[in-house]
Amino acid sequence: MNEVKNSCLGLIFDVQRYSIHDGPGIRTTVFFKGCPLRCWWCHNPEGIDPGKELMYFEYKCMRCGDCAKVCPTGAIKFKGKPRIFRPLCTACGNCSDACPAGALKLVGKEYTVEELMKEIEKDVMYFDNSGGGVTFSGGEPLFQADFLLEVLKECKKRYIHRALDTAGFASREVLASTMDYVDLFLYDLKLIDEGEHIKYTGVPSAQIKENLRFLVDSGRAKDVIIRFPVIPGITDTPDNVDDMVEFISSLKGLREIDLLPFHDVSEKYNRLDKDYKMTVHKSPSRERLVAIKERFEGMGLYVKI
């Protein structure tokens, strides 16, 4: 029987089974809590904060008030419906446990390496039959680098295919520590211009680009696929697409880029009482997606939408 290290804990906000868009075959996608980026369009805002937090689903709420009664800090005030005073909330989970309709959900669950491996191994039959495996996403998995590395090692011991979905904003040492244990890097590349990147993600792009070049040039990364979120008026501009083409052209060995069309997730932000900065709420047009696809195909890349 495999002995598993349990010296560190990981905070996970979802384990999604039967994924088919996060790498080859049928996959289990594990979503890590915490991310250093603050992308305006983030599709998983519940993964940004590094701690546990409450989501409120108003359409499920029965207006019973049980949540306010059990809150030990008075963080929930009930006036027709719950109002959560976030600075007072300790994410103890009393309210979500007491809610009869599931209108309050505590986002984030602590796992030991062994506990998470048990969840992953439930789907081994599907991995074996489809050529699938496990994908680590988020949030940003490298934000919990120690825990991630231990899980990657355990998956490798058990011959489970491993994909890492990352924005690449981490130290070179942290990224390098994962390379011998990752079969496929799904590497997010959003904006090339430094100023634009800082404006829309909160961090500079230089380290992300340098880490991508390191991955490709090192020869240690088994496979790397670029993931390009197509955000109307932000990443899909002619200038940014031109910059992407120029930068990717300087990287040798890349074969594929996946286009990820924007879709509106403002409701998720409402459930977390977070500000949603996006003023555009429509997905990019089919014509624009095809035009970008053809531009990258002109470089000899295989392009998926």
Foldseek 3Di string as FASTA:
>chain_A
DDDADQPDKFKWQDWAFQDPPQDFFTEIETAGADAPWDFLQDPCPCRHHNDKAKFFAVVQAPLPCQLCVFQPQNQWDRDSHTDGNVVRDPLPCPSCVRGPRNRMDIGIDMDGLVRVVVVQVVCVVRCVVGVAFYEYHYNAPLVVLVRVLSNLVVCVVVVGAYEYEHQQPDDLVSVVSCLQRHQEYAYEDEFDDQVLCCVRIVHGCPRSLVSVLCCQPVPSHNAYEYEYEDDPPRRLDPVRLVVVVVSVLVGPDHAAYEYHWGADDVVRCVRRVHDNPDPDHDTDDPVSVVVSCVVVVVSVHHYHD
